[in-house]
Amino acid sequence: MPVLLAHGGGQTKRAWKRVTAMLAAHGFRAIALDLRGHGDSAWADAGAYDIVDFAGDLIAIAGALDRKPALIGASLGGLAGIVAEGEVAPGSFASLTLVDITPQMEAGGVARVVGFMAANAGEGFASPEEAARVISDYLPHRPSRGASAGLAHYLRQKADGRYYWHWDPAFIEGIMRRHAERGNSGDFGRTELGDAASRLALPVHLIRGGSSDLVSPDAAAHFRELVPHAEFSDIAGATHMVAGDQNDAFGDAILDFLVRTHGGDSA
């Protein structure tokens, strides 16, 4: 059975490297993609980075497969999954796993994520080491990894010799513009997202980082009211970056849900 993995904003398909290996070992066909404007995917014309644009991409990819896929979406990828399945094209996916994302998001957590992404989007970095230091400041709970080989996949060196994130700056500019238009509440279409979530009829699994500053316990409880049939996992010791913080526990939670919902050896 195919499992489609959609990363969070500012990430690439490499965020799922360990998870895809685990899924493949259990008979699933893991398909990790670079969302539009990220990694090796093309940058969108005219800054087309609304959630509905990402949702349309996921629907198109699912429709091109020979079997309806399970979708695992982290943050941005999860929001796109909610809109795709709950509003644009219900029935596109066999199940939906949301990784630390709900329609109700904490304003402080949103501001921290957006601030990190916006801080060096335009000017880039003098070296990979400088980028590594910025990441360490953003994720102080993790041991500093320095300018690792993995970091190189998130940076592009341009003709000016500086290093830039491997995603389109127009993506974060669009988020900041919509944030300004809606005020500083951190509400990015919360009502519309909640309506879409309430229409989810497929099997749903919400995985929250136990120390997340983006999805609070109250937000998780609110989501479970919107989607009463949803399963819920709270991963202790994980922040919003659940997979990177507690990969083993995260992988176990994903696999348990998928095997029970779709069966093992499902490739």
C-alpha atoms as a PDB file:
ATOM      1  CA  MET A   1       0.000   0.000   0.000  1.00  0.00           C
ATOM      2  CA  PRO A   2       1.342   3.482  -0.827  1.00  0.00           C
ATOM      3  CA  VAL A   3       2.003   5.952   1.978  1.00  0.00           C
ATOM      4  CA  LEU A   4       2.428   9.561   0.874  1.00  0.00           C
ATOM      5  CA  LEU A   5       4.561  11.722   3.188  1.00  0.00           C
ATOM      6  CA  ALA A   6       4.237  15.522   3.088  1.00  0.00           C
ATOM      7  CA  HIS A   7       6.793  17.500   5.116  1.00  0.00           C
ATOM      8  CA  GLY A   8       6.437  20.760   7.020  1.00  0.00           C
ATOM      9  CA  GLY A   9       7.184  24.261   5.803  1.00  0.00           C
ATOM     10  CA  GLY A  10      10.867  24.864   5.153  1.00  0.00           C
ATOM     11  CA  GLN A  11      11.703  21.153   5.164  1.00  0.00           C
ATOM     12  CA  THR A  12      12.302  18.682   2.338  1.00  0.00           C
ATOM     13  CA  LYS A  13      11.538  15.033   1.732  1.00  0.00           C
ATOM     14  CA  ARG A  14      14.708  14.168   3.676  1.00  0.00           C
ATOM     15  CA  ALA A  15      12.767  14.882   6.865  1.00  0.00           C
ATOM     16  CA  TRP A  16      11.210  11.426   6.373  1.00  0.00           C
ATOM     17  CA  LYS A  17      14.428   9.484   5.689  1.00  0.00           C
ATOM     18  CA  ARG A  18      14.203   7.161   8.701  1.00  0.00           C
ATOM     19  CA  VAL A  19      10.418   6.872   8.539  1.00  0.00           C
ATOM     20  CA  THR A  20      10.411   5.796   4.887  1.00  0.00           C
ATOM     21  CA  ALA A  21      12.936   3.034   5.640  1.00  0.00           C
ATOM     22  CA  MET A  22      10.784   1.803   8.524  1.00  0.00           C
ATOM     23  CA  LEU A  23       7.607   1.805   6.425  1.00  0.00           C
ATOM     24  CA  ALA A  24       9.313  -0.042   3.572  1.00  0.00           C
ATOM     25  CA  ALA A  25      10.577  -2.675   5.999  1.00  0.00           C
ATOM     26  CA  HIS A  26       6.954  -3.360   6.980  1.00  0.00           C
ATOM     27  CA  GLY A  27       5.638  -3.702   3.453  1.00  0.00           C
ATOM     28  CA  PHE A  28       4.412  -0.191   2.746  1.00  0.00           C
ATOM     29  CA  ARG A  29       5.390   1.761  -0.373  1.00  0.00           C
ATOM     30  CA  ALA A  30       6.675   5.005   1.126  1.00  0.00           C
ATOM     31  CA  ILE A  31       6.601   8.055  -1.165  1.00  0.00           C
ATOM     32  CA  ALA A  32       8.200  11.182   0.290  1.00  0.00           C
ATOM     33  CA  LEU A  33       7.885  14.314  -1.814  1.00  0.00           C
ATOM     34  CA  ASP A  34       9.260  17.824  -1.891  1.00  0.00           C
ATOM     35  CA  LEU A  35       6.280  20.178  -1.665  1.00  0.00           C
ATOM     36  CA  ARG A  36       6.046  22.997  -4.205  1.00  0.00           C
ATOM     37  CA  GLY A  37       8.692  25.630  -3.593  1.00  0.00           C
ATOM     38  CA  HIS A  38      10.759  23.244  -1.454  1.00  0.00           C
ATOM     39  CA  GLY A  39      13.757  21.015  -2.105  1.00  0.00           C
ATOM     40  CA  ASP A  40      13.985  19.891  -5.709  1.00  0.00           C
ATOM     41  CA  SER A  41      10.398  20.776  -6.629  1.00  0.00           C
ATOM     42  CA  ALA A  42       9.742  23.801  -8.823  1.00  0.00           C
ATOM     43  CA  TRP A  43       8.974  27.201  -7.348  1.00  0.00           C
ATOM     44  CA  ALA A  44       5.383  28.271  -7.936  1.00  0.00           C
ATOM     45  CA  ASP A  45       4.517  31.055 -10.336  1.00  0.00           C
ATOM     46  CA  ALA A  46       3.109  34.234  -8.789  1.00  0.00           C
ATOM     47  CA  GLY A  47       3.776  32.980  -5.273  1.00  0.00           C
ATOM     48  CA  ALA A  48       0.992  30.377  -5.351  1.00  0.00           C
ATOM     49  CA  TYR A  49       1.570  29.000  -1.861  1.00  0.00           C
ATOM     50  CA  ASP A  50      -1.882  29.034  -0.285  1.00  0.00           C
ATOM     51  CA  ILE A  51      -2.904  25.904   1.588  1.00  0.00           C
ATOM     52  CA  VAL A  52      -5.344  25.065  -1.189  1.00  0.00           C
ATOM     53  CA  ASP A  53      -2.427  25.039  -3.667  1.00  0.00           C
ATOM     54  CA  PHE A  54      -0.545  22.471  -1.597  1.00  0.00           C
ATOM     55  CA  ALA A  55      -3.777  20.524  -1.139  1.00  0.00           C
ATOM     56  CA  GLY A  56      -4.288  20.388  -4.892  1.00  0.00           C
ATOM     57  CA  ASP A  57      -0.797  18.971  -5.383  1.00  0.00           C
ATOM     58  CA  LEU A  58      -1.433  16.178  -2.873  1.00  0.00           C
ATOM     59  CA  ILE A  59      -4.734  15.338  -4.550  1.00  0.00           C
ATOM     60  CA  ALA A  60      -3.064  15.193  -7.968  1.00  0.00           C
ATOM     61  CA  ILE A  61      -0.294  12.921  -6.724  1.00  0.00           C
ATOM     62  CA  ALA A  62      -2.760  10.622  -4.951  1.00  0.00           C
ATOM     63  CA  GLY A  63      -4.838  10.408  -8.120  1.00  0.00           C
ATOM     64  CA  ALA A  64      -1.810   9.368 -10.169  1.00  0.00           C
ATOM     65  CA  LEU A  65      -1.130   6.329  -7.975  1.00  0.00           C
ATOM     66  CA  ASP A  66      -2.568   2.899  -8.682  1.00  0.00           C
ATOM     67  CA  ARG A  67      -4.081   2.720  -5.216  1.00  0.00           C
ATOM     68  CA  LYS A  68      -5.470   5.288  -2.788  1.00  0.00           C
ATOM     69  CA  PRO A  69      -2.599   6.221  -0.437  1.00  0.00           C
ATOM     70  CA  ALA A  70      -2.440   6.825   3.266  1.00  0.00           C
ATOM     71  CA  LEU A  71      -1.272  10.397   3.850  1.00  0.00           C
ATOM     72  CA  ILE A  72       1.115  11.478   6.599  1.00  0.00           C
ATOM     73  CA  GLY A  73       1.404  15.258   6.846  1.00  0.00           C
ATOM     74  CA  ALA A  74       3.602  17.254   9.198  1.00  0.00           C
ATOM     75  CA  SER A  75       2.618  20.868   9.931  1.00  0.00           C
ATOM     76  CA  LEU A  76       2.160  22.434   6.454  1.00  0.00           C
ATOM     77  CA  GLY A  77       1.710  18.988   4.900  1.00  0.00           C
ATOM     78  CA  GLY A  78      -0.929  18.148   7.492  1.00  0.00           C
ATOM     79  CA  LEU A  79      -2.854  21.377   6.929  1.00  0.00           C
ATOM     80  CA  ALA A  80      -2.854  20.639   3.204  1.00  0.00           C
ATOM     81  CA  GLY A  81      -4.155  17.157   3.979  1.00  0.00           C
ATOM     82  CA  ILE A  82      -7.034  18.512   6.066  1.00  0.00           C
ATOM     83  CA  VAL A  83      -8.072  20.891   3.287  1.00  0.00           C
ATOM     84  CA  ALA A  84      -7.621  18.273   0.555  1.00  0.00           C
ATOM     85  CA  GLU A  85      -9.670  15.577   2.253  1.00  0.00           C
ATOM     86  CA  GLY A  86     -12.113  17.724   4.213  1.00  0.00           C
ATOM     87  CA  GLU A  87     -12.948  20.310   1.571  1.00  0.00           C
ATOM     88  CA  VAL A  88     -11.490  20.024  -1.912  1.00  0.00           C
ATOM     89  CA  ALA A  89     -11.664  16.323  -2.793  1.00  0.00           C
ATOM     90  CA  PRO A  90     -12.994  14.005  -0.067  1.00  0.00           C
ATOM     91  CA  GLY A  91     -12.054  10.384  -0.639  1.00  0.00           C
ATOM     92  CA  SER A  92      -8.586  11.131  -2.018  1.00  0.00           C
ATOM     93  CA  PHE A  93      -6.761   9.262   0.760  1.00  0.00           C
ATOM     94  CA  ALA A  94      -7.170   6.005   2.633  1.00  0.00           C
ATOM     95  CA  SER A  95      -6.215   7.553   5.994  1.00  0.00           C
ATOM     96  CA  LEU A  96      -4.734  10.771   7.336  1.00  0.00           C
ATOM     97  CA  THR A  97      -1.992  11.090   9.946  1.00  0.00           C
ATOM     98  CA  LEU A  98      -1.430  14.641  11.204  1.00  0.00           C
ATOM     99  CA  VAL A  99       1.924  15.388  12.807  1.00  0.00           C
ATOM    100  CA  ASP A 100       1.671  18.173  15.400  1.00  0.00           C
ATOM    101  CA  ILE A 101      -0.874  20.240  13.539  1.00  0.00           C
ATOM    102  CA  THR A 102      -4.518  21.105  14.157  1.00  0.00           C
ATOM    103  CA  PRO A 103      -6.802  23.928  12.987  1.00  0.00           C
ATOM    104  CA  GLN A 104      -6.249  25.621  16.350  1.00  0.00           C
ATOM    105  CA  MET A 105      -2.616  26.746  16.634  1.00  0.00           C
ATOM    106  CA  GLU A 106      -0.883  28.665  19.405  1.00  0.00           C
ATOM    107  CA  ALA A 107       0.018  32.204  18.307  1.00  0.00           C
ATOM    108  CA  GLY A 108       3.387  32.096  20.061  1.00  0.00           C
ATOM    109  CA  GLY A 109       4.363  28.834  18.393  1.00  0.00           C
ATOM    110  CA  VAL A 110       3.312  30.097  14.970  1.00  0.00           C
ATOM    111  CA  ALA A 111       5.309  33.294  15.473  1.00  0.00           C
ATOM    112  CA  ARG A 112       8.411  31.345  16.483  1.00  0.00           C
ATOM    113  CA  VAL A 113       8.282  29.097  13.411  1.00  0.00           C
ATOM    114  CA  VAL A 114       7.562  31.969  11.023  1.00  0.00           C
ATOM    115  CA  GLY A 115      10.242  34.111  12.645  1.00  0.00           C
ATOM    116  CA  PHE A 116      12.865  31.410  12.209  1.00  0.00           C
ATOM    117  CA  MET A 117      11.995  30.897   8.556  1.00  0.00           C
ATOM    118  CA  ALA A 118      11.872  34.604   7.763  1.00  0.00           C
ATOM    119  CA  ALA A 119      15.047  35.644   9.600  1.00  0.00           C
ATOM    120  CA  ASN A 120      17.563  34.620   6.902  1.00  0.00           C
ATOM    121  CA  ALA A 121      15.291  33.993   3.934  1.00  0.00           C
ATOM    122  CA  GLY A 122      16.529  37.009   1.994  1.00  0.00           C
ATOM    123  CA  GLU A 123      20.170  37.426   2.951  1.00  0.00           C
ATOM    124  CA  GLY A 124      21.135  33.787   3.391  1.00  0.00           C
ATOM    125  CA  PHE A 125      24.264  32.677   5.233  1.00  0.00           C
ATOM    126  CA  ALA A 126      27.975  33.214   4.765  1.00  0.00           C
ATOM    127  CA  SER A 127      28.638  29.505   5.348  1.00  0.00           C
ATOM    128  CA  PRO A 128      26.893  26.231   6.273  1.00  0.00           C
ATOM    129  CA  GLU A 129      28.391  26.664   9.750  1.00  0.00           C
ATOM    130  CA  GLU A 130      26.485  29.909  10.192  1.00  0.00           C
ATOM    131  CA  ALA A 131      23.256  28.164   9.174  1.00  0.00           C
ATOM    132  CA  ALA A 132      24.004  25.382  11.666  1.00  0.00           C
ATOM    133  CA  ARG A 133      24.380  27.926  14.466  1.00  0.00           C
ATOM    134  CA  VAL A 134      21.000  29.473  13.610  1.00  0.00           C
ATOM    135  CA  ILE A 135      19.376  26.034  13.732  1.00  0.00           C
ATOM    136  CA  SER A 136      21.011  25.305  17.101  1.00  0.00           C
ATOM    137  CA  ASP A 137      19.601  28.549  18.491  1.00  0.00           C
ATOM    138  CA  TYR A 138      16.151  27.586  17.184  1.00  0.00           C
ATOM    139  CA  LEU A 139      16.368  24.039  18.593  1.00  0.00           C
ATOM    140  CA  PRO A 140      18.318  24.483  21.850  1.00  0.00           C
ATOM    141  CA  HIS A 141      17.022  21.178  23.267  1.00  0.00           C
ATOM    142  CA  ARG A 142      18.932  19.198  20.616  1.00  0.00           C
ATOM    143  CA  PRO A 143      22.684  18.555  20.576  1.00  0.00           C
ATOM    144  CA  SER A 144      24.341  20.809  18.000  1.00  0.00           C
ATOM    145  CA  ARG A 145      25.211  18.849  14.863  1.00  0.00           C
ATOM    146  CA  GLY A 146      27.301  21.523  13.198  1.00  0.00           C
ATOM    147  CA  ALA A 147      27.464  21.763   9.404  1.00  0.00           C
ATOM    148  CA  SER A 148      26.604  18.110   8.791  1.00  0.00           C
ATOM    149  CA  ALA A 149      26.302  16.430   5.421  1.00  0.00           C
ATOM    150  CA  GLY A 150      22.532  16.336   5.935  1.00  0.00           C
ATOM    151  CA  LEU A 151      22.383  20.119   6.301  1.00  0.00           C
ATOM    152  CA  ALA A 152      23.772  20.502   2.779  1.00  0.00           C
ATOM    153  CA  HIS A 153      20.475  19.185   1.408  1.00  0.00           C
ATOM    154  CA  TYR A 154      18.649  22.151   2.942  1.00  0.00           C
ATOM    155  CA  LEU A 155      20.942  24.831   1.494  1.00  0.00           C
ATOM    156  CA  ARG A 156      21.722  26.163  -1.976  1.00  0.00           C
ATOM    157  CA  GLN A 157      24.882  28.111  -2.765  1.00  0.00           C
ATOM    158  CA  LYS A 158      24.170  30.862  -5.272  1.00  0.00           C
ATOM    159  CA  ALA A 159      26.440  32.861  -7.557  1.00  0.00           C
ATOM    160  CA  ASP A 160      27.120  35.399  -4.808  1.00  0.00           C
ATOM    161  CA  GLY A 161      28.807  32.661  -2.783  1.00  0.00           C
ATOM    162  CA  ARG A 162      26.222  32.763   0.027  1.00  0.00           C
ATOM    163  CA  TYR A 163      24.046  29.855   1.136  1.00  0.00           C
ATOM    164  CA  TYR A 164      20.252  30.035   1.050  1.00  0.00           C
ATOM    165  CA  TRP A 165      17.502  27.784   2.340  1.00  0.00           C
ATOM    166  CA  HIS A 166      16.329  25.212  -0.183  1.00  0.00           C
ATOM    167  CA  TRP A 167      12.884  26.792  -0.528  1.00  0.00           C
ATOM    168  CA  ASP A 168      11.273  29.771  -2.228  1.00  0.00           C
ATOM    169  CA  PRO A 169      11.356  32.979  -0.098  1.00  0.00           C
ATOM    170  CA  ALA A 170       7.957  33.841  -1.605  1.00  0.00           C
ATOM    171  CA  PHE A 171       6.504  31.016   0.487  1.00  0.00           C
ATOM    172  CA  ILE A 172       7.293  32.673   3.810  1.00  0.00           C
ATOM    173  CA  GLU A 173       6.511  36.126   2.418  1.00  0.00           C
ATOM    174  CA  GLY A 174       2.995  34.903   1.622  1.00  0.00           C
ATOM    175  CA  ILE A 175       2.543  33.535   5.136  1.00  0.00           C
ATOM    176  CA  MET A 176       3.679  36.824   6.660  1.00  0.00           C
ATOM    177  CA  ARG A 177       1.377  38.826   4.390  1.00  0.00           C
ATOM    178  CA  ARG A 178      -1.656  36.717   5.307  1.00  0.00           C
ATOM    179  CA  HIS A 179      -0.646  36.928   8.974  1.00  0.00           C
ATOM    180  CA  ALA A 180      -0.632  40.740   8.742  1.00  0.00           C
ATOM    181  CA  GLU A 181      -3.995  40.784   6.975  1.00  0.00           C
ATOM    182  CA  ARG A 182      -5.586  38.645   9.695  1.00  0.00           C
ATOM    183  CA  GLY A 183      -3.926  40.473  12.575  1.00  0.00           C
ATOM    184  CA  ASN A 184      -1.571  38.986  15.138  1.00  0.00           C
ATOM    185  CA  SER A 185      -3.873  36.322  16.540  1.00  0.00           C
ATOM    186  CA  GLY A 186      -2.018  33.448  14.878  1.00  0.00           C
ATOM    187  CA  ASP A 187      -5.341  32.507  13.267  1.00  0.00           C
ATOM    188  CA  PHE A 188      -4.536  31.327   9.724  1.00  0.00           C
ATOM    189  CA  GLY A 189      -8.042  30.454   8.570  1.00  0.00           C
ATOM    190  CA  ARG A 190      -8.872  28.609  11.788  1.00  0.00           C
ATOM    191  CA  THR A 191     -12.613  28.555  11.150  1.00  0.00           C
ATOM    192  CA  GLU A 192     -12.241  27.213   7.615  1.00  0.00           C
ATOM    193  CA  LEU A 193      -9.723  24.605   8.742  1.00  0.00           C
ATOM    194  CA  GLY A 194     -12.005  23.561  11.592  1.00  0.00           C
ATOM    195  CA  ASP A 195     -14.916  23.166   9.190  1.00  0.00           C
ATOM    196  CA  ALA A 196     -12.789  21.022   6.888  1.00  0.00           C
ATOM    197  CA  ALA A 197     -11.573  18.899   9.802  1.00  0.00           C
ATOM    198  CA  SER A 198     -15.129  18.311  11.009  1.00  0.00           C
ATOM    199  CA  ARG A 199     -15.925  16.767   7.623  1.00  0.00           C
ATOM    200  CA  LEU A 200     -13.110  14.193   7.744  1.00  0.00           C
ATOM    201  CA  ALA A 201     -14.690  10.764   7.418  1.00  0.00           C
ATOM    202  CA  LEU A 202     -11.594   8.636   6.815  1.00  0.00           C
ATOM    203  CA  PRO A 203      -9.421   7.091   9.578  1.00  0.00           C
ATOM    204  CA  VAL A 204      -7.469   9.910  11.252  1.00  0.00           C
ATOM    205  CA  HIS A 205      -4.505   9.874  13.614  1.00  0.00           C
ATOM    206  CA  LEU A 206      -3.249  13.001  15.387  1.00  0.00           C
ATOM    207  CA  ILE A 207       0.316  12.804  16.693  1.00  0.00           C
ATOM    208  CA  ARG A 208       1.284  15.649  19.029  1.00  0.00           C
ATOM    209  CA  GLY A 209       4.704  16.539  20.339  1.00  0.00           C
ATOM    210  CA  GLY A 210       4.320  16.384  24.102  1.00  0.00           C
ATOM    211  CA  SER A 211       6.278  19.639  24.492  1.00  0.00           C
ATOM    212  CA  SER A 212       4.895  21.346  21.385  1.00  0.00           C
ATOM    213  CA  ASP A 213       4.472  25.110  21.519  1.00  0.00           C
ATOM    214  CA  LEU A 214       2.290  25.039  18.396  1.00  0.00           C
ATOM    215  CA  VAL A 215      -0.366  22.463  19.368  1.00  0.00           C
ATOM    216  CA  SER A 216      -1.448  22.748  22.998  1.00  0.00           C
ATOM    217  CA  PRO A 217      -3.287  20.003  24.925  1.00  0.00           C
ATOM    218  CA  ASP A 218      -6.437  22.128  24.594  1.00  0.00           C
ATOM    219  CA  ALA A 219      -5.960  22.355  20.826  1.00  0.00           C
ATOM    220  CA  ALA A 220      -5.574  18.581  20.610  1.00  0.00           C
ATOM    221  CA  ALA A 221      -8.737  18.136  22.700  1.00  0.00           C
ATOM    222  CA  HIS A 222     -10.579  20.573  20.442  1.00  0.00           C
ATOM    223  CA  PHE A 223      -9.506  18.608  17.376  1.00  0.00           C
ATOM    224  CA  ARG A 224     -10.782  15.388  18.927  1.00  0.00           C
ATOM    225  CA  GLU A 225     -14.131  17.074  19.435  1.00  0.00           C
ATOM    226  CA  LEU A 226     -14.176  18.083  15.772  1.00  0.00           C
ATOM    227  CA  VAL A 227     -13.122  14.573  14.677  1.00  0.00           C
ATOM    228  CA  PRO A 228     -14.504  12.192  17.352  1.00  0.00           C
ATOM    229  CA  HIS A 229     -13.257   9.070  15.587  1.00  0.00           C
ATOM    230  CA  ALA A 230      -9.646  10.327  15.422  1.00  0.00           C
ATOM    231  CA  GLU A 231      -6.946   8.403  17.266  1.00  0.00           C
ATOM    232  CA  PHE A 232      -4.432  10.354  19.305  1.00  0.00           C
ATOM    233  CA  SER A 233      -0.776   9.877  20.284  1.00  0.00           C
ATOM    234  CA  ASP A 234       1.183  12.245  22.526  1.00  0.00           C
ATOM    235  CA  ILE A 235       4.937  11.807  22.101  1.00  0.00           C
ATOM    236  CA  ALA A 236       6.752  12.697  25.333  1.00  0.00           C
ATOM    237  CA  GLY A 237       9.947  14.702  24.962  1.00  0.00           C
ATOM    238  CA  ALA A 238       9.081  15.951  21.470  1.00  0.00           C
ATOM    239  CA  THR A 239       8.505  19.525  20.345  1.00  0.00           C
ATOM    240  CA  HIS A 240       6.822  20.576  17.097  1.00  0.00           C
ATOM    241  CA  MET A 241       9.657  18.782  15.277  1.00  0.00           C
ATOM    242  CA  VAL A 242       8.356  15.415  16.441  1.00  0.00           C
ATOM    243  CA  ALA A 243      10.188  13.119  14.033  1.00  0.00           C
ATOM    244  CA  GLY A 244      13.564  14.726  14.660  1.00  0.00           C
ATOM    245  CA  ASP A 245      13.128  14.837  18.429  1.00  0.00           C
ATOM    246  CA  GLN A 246      11.798  11.335  19.131  1.00  0.00           C
ATOM    247  CA  ASN A 247      12.094   9.381  15.901  1.00  0.00           C
ATOM    248  CA  ASP A 248      11.704   5.897  17.398  1.00  0.00           C
ATOM    249  CA  ALA A 249       8.561   6.699  19.385  1.00  0.00           C
ATOM    250  CA  PHE A 250       7.199   8.659  16.447  1.00  0.00           C
ATOM    251  CA  GLY A 251       7.832   5.769  14.067  1.00  0.00           C
ATOM    252  CA  ASP A 252       6.198   3.288  16.422  1.00  0.00           C
ATOM    253  CA  ALA A 253       3.067   5.448  16.655  1.00  0.00           C
ATOM    254  CA  ILE A 254       2.813   5.797  12.874  1.00  0.00           C
ATOM    255  CA  LEU A 255       3.378   2.123  12.219  1.00  0.00           C
ATOM    256  CA  ASP A 256       0.918   0.946  14.869  1.00  0.00           C
ATOM    257  CA  PHE A 257      -1.880   3.046  13.338  1.00  0.00           C
ATOM    258  CA  LEU A 258      -1.126   2.099   9.742  1.00  0.00           C
ATOM    259  CA  VAL A 259      -0.841  -1.630  10.429  1.00  0.00           C
ATOM    260  CA  ARG A 260      -4.078  -1.714  12.422  1.00  0.00           C
ATOM    261  CA  THR A 261      -5.903   0.423   9.856  1.00  0.00           C
ATOM    262  CA  HIS A 262      -4.553  -1.018   6.627  1.00  0.00           C
ATOM    263  CA  GLY A 263      -2.792  -4.259   7.557  1.00  0.00           C
ATOM    264  CA  GLY A 264       0.881  -5.173   7.376  1.00  0.00           C
ATOM    265  CA  ASP A 265       2.858  -6.173   4.291  1.00  0.00           C
ATOM    266  CA  SER A 266       0.611  -3.896   2.263  1.00  0.00           C
ATOM    267  CA  ALA A 267       2.898  -2.880  -0.588  1.00  0.00           C
END
